[in-house]
Amino acid sequence: MNKKALQSSSPVSGAPYSPGIQCGNLCFVSGQVPLDPDTRQIVEGDFDARVRQCIRNIESVLKLANIGLEQVVKTTVFLTDMEDFGRLNKVYGEYWGEIKPARSCVQVARLPLEADVEIEAIAVIP
């Protein structure tokens, strides 16, 4: 198995996991909470801003494998309040073209750093 860690100066540098793993032609991106990589704090603003930051964090990990969001085939979204589902869909839909990734969305009791949203992704490397 050809497995490579995709390490970056991600907001969680030093945590006991890899932000991403490249294995063959697949890229697995660990769950990304809405941390600003510069301040290492949850981004300020509304829920929409936090969803955008999660996706920007995913993009930064994908970039380490020389790919982008267009190669994402599956995401899992974790919300602490399913009442945010409609807002999630509005923002999330802005980031993918005609063929959107398969997706699961679940409500959870709690997320790291008291975040209200976390997104993980799987992408195919051409």
Protein backbone atom coordinates (compact mmCIF):
# COMPACT_ATOMS: atom_id res chain seq x y z
CA MET A 1 0.00 0.00 0.00
CA ASN A 2 1.33 3.40 -1.01
CA LYS A 3 0.21 5.71 1.83
CA LYS A 4 1.44 9.29 2.28
CA ALA A 5 0.52 11.81 4.96
CA LEU A 6 -0.52 15.23 3.73
CA GLN A 7 0.86 17.51 6.42
CA SER A 8 0.52 21.25 6.33
CA SER A 9 0.54 24.23 8.57
CA SER A 10 -3.12 23.46 9.11
CA PRO A 11 -4.95 24.87 12.11
CA VAL A 12 -4.45 21.59 13.95
CA SER A 13 -0.71 21.15 13.43
CA GLY A 14 0.70 18.90 16.10
CA ALA A 15 -2.55 17.01 16.67
CA PRO A 16 -2.16 13.21 16.68
CA TYR A 17 -3.58 12.67 13.19
CA SER A 18 -2.90 13.68 9.60
CA PRO A 19 -4.98 16.45 8.00
CA GLY A 20 -5.02 14.24 4.92
CA ILE A 21 -3.85 10.89 3.62
CA GLN A 22 -3.05 10.09 0.02
CA CYS A 23 -3.40 6.38 -0.69
CA GLY A 24 -3.08 5.34 -4.31
CA ASN A 25 -5.43 7.54 -6.29
CA LEU A 26 -7.55 8.49 -3.26
CA CYS A 27 -7.22 11.46 -0.92
CA PHE A 28 -8.88 11.33 2.50
CA VAL A 29 -9.29 14.69 4.25
CA SER A 30 -9.82 14.61 8.01
CA GLY A 31 -12.77 16.50 9.41
CA GLN A 32 -12.19 20.22 9.18
CA VAL A 33 -13.70 22.58 11.71
CA PRO A 34 -13.89 26.30 10.90
CA LEU A 35 -10.50 27.29 12.28
CA ASP A 36 -8.71 30.22 10.76
CA PRO A 37 -5.17 28.96 9.98
CA ASP A 38 -3.67 32.34 10.91
CA THR A 39 -5.34 32.88 14.28
CA ARG A 40 -5.96 29.20 15.12
CA GLN A 41 -9.38 30.28 16.38
CA ILE A 42 -12.90 29.54 15.13
CA VAL A 43 -13.61 32.18 12.49
CA GLU A 44 -15.72 35.11 13.51
CA GLY A 45 -19.02 35.69 11.82
CA ASP A 46 -22.13 33.72 11.15
CA PHE A 47 -22.75 30.07 10.36
CA ASP A 48 -22.23 30.71 6.64
CA ALA A 49 -18.73 32.05 7.32
CA ARG A 50 -17.92 28.96 9.37
CA VAL A 51 -19.07 26.59 6.59
CA ARG A 52 -16.93 28.53 4.09
CA GLN A 53 -13.90 28.20 6.37
CA CYS A 54 -14.39 24.43 6.68
CA ILE A 55 -14.39 24.18 2.89
CA ARG A 56 -11.34 26.45 2.55
CA ASN A 57 -9.53 24.19 5.02
CA ILE A 58 -10.47 21.15 2.91
CA GLU A 59 -9.16 22.94 -0.17
CA SER A 60 -5.81 23.59 1.52
CA VAL A 61 -5.35 19.89 2.28
CA LEU A 62 -6.41 18.86 -1.24
CA LYS A 63 -3.87 21.30 -2.65
CA LEU A 64 -1.12 19.22 -1.00
CA ALA A 65 -2.18 16.36 -3.31
CA ASN A 66 -2.29 18.79 -6.27
CA ILE A 67 -6.06 18.54 -6.62
CA GLY A 68 -9.08 20.68 -5.85
CA LEU A 69 -12.72 20.50 -4.85
CA GLU A 70 -13.70 19.25 -8.31
CA GLN A 71 -12.09 15.90 -7.43
CA VAL A 72 -14.15 15.43 -4.24
CA VAL A 73 -16.51 12.46 -4.56
CA LYS A 74 -17.84 12.14 -0.98
CA THR A 75 -18.24 14.38 2.04
CA THR A 76 -19.59 13.92 5.52
CA VAL A 77 -20.96 16.94 7.35
CA PHE A 78 -21.39 17.04 11.11
CA LEU A 79 -23.74 19.66 12.60
CA THR A 80 -24.52 20.34 16.24
CA ASP A 81 -27.94 21.67 15.23
CA MET A 82 -29.89 20.23 12.29
CA GLU A 83 -31.80 23.53 12.15
CA ASP A 84 -28.70 24.79 10.28
CA PHE A 85 -29.22 22.24 7.47
CA GLY A 86 -30.87 24.71 5.07
CA ARG A 87 -28.14 27.30 5.58
CA LEU A 88 -25.50 24.59 5.11
CA ASN A 89 -27.04 23.58 1.78
CA LYS A 90 -27.12 27.17 0.53
CA VAL A 91 -23.42 27.79 1.19
CA TYR A 92 -22.21 24.26 0.43
CA GLY A 93 -23.89 24.31 -2.99
CA GLU A 94 -21.77 27.30 -4.05
CA TYR A 95 -18.59 25.22 -4.05
CA TRP A 96 -19.28 22.39 -6.46
CA GLY A 97 -20.33 22.33 -10.09
CA GLU A 98 -23.07 20.33 -11.73
CA ILE A 99 -21.96 17.00 -10.23
CA LYS A 100 -21.96 17.44 -6.49
CA PRO A 101 -20.20 14.92 -4.22
CA ALA A 102 -22.19 12.21 -2.50
CA ARG A 103 -22.84 13.44 1.04
CA SER A 104 -23.98 12.39 4.47
CA CYS A 105 -25.05 14.91 7.08
CA VAL A 106 -25.56 14.03 10.72
CA GLN A 107 -26.32 15.89 13.90
CA VAL A 108 -23.89 15.32 16.73
CA ALA A 109 -23.93 16.34 20.38
CA ARG A 110 -20.60 18.13 20.32
CA LEU A 111 -17.64 18.93 18.06
CA PRO A 112 -14.01 19.81 18.83
CA LEU A 113 -13.38 23.37 20.03
CA GLU A 114 -17.15 23.85 20.42
CA ALA A 115 -17.52 24.23 16.64
CA ASP A 116 -21.01 23.91 15.21
CA VAL A 117 -19.93 22.38 11.87
CA GLU A 118 -17.23 19.99 10.67
CA ILE A 119 -16.73 18.59 7.16
CA GLU A 120 -14.58 15.68 5.97
CA ALA A 121 -13.96 14.67 2.35
CA ILE A 122 -12.76 11.93 0.04
CA ALA A 123 -11.35 12.84 -3.37
CA VAL A 124 -10.06 10.94 -6.40
CA ILE A 125 -6.66 11.91 -7.79
CA PRO A 126 -6.71 11.71 -11.61
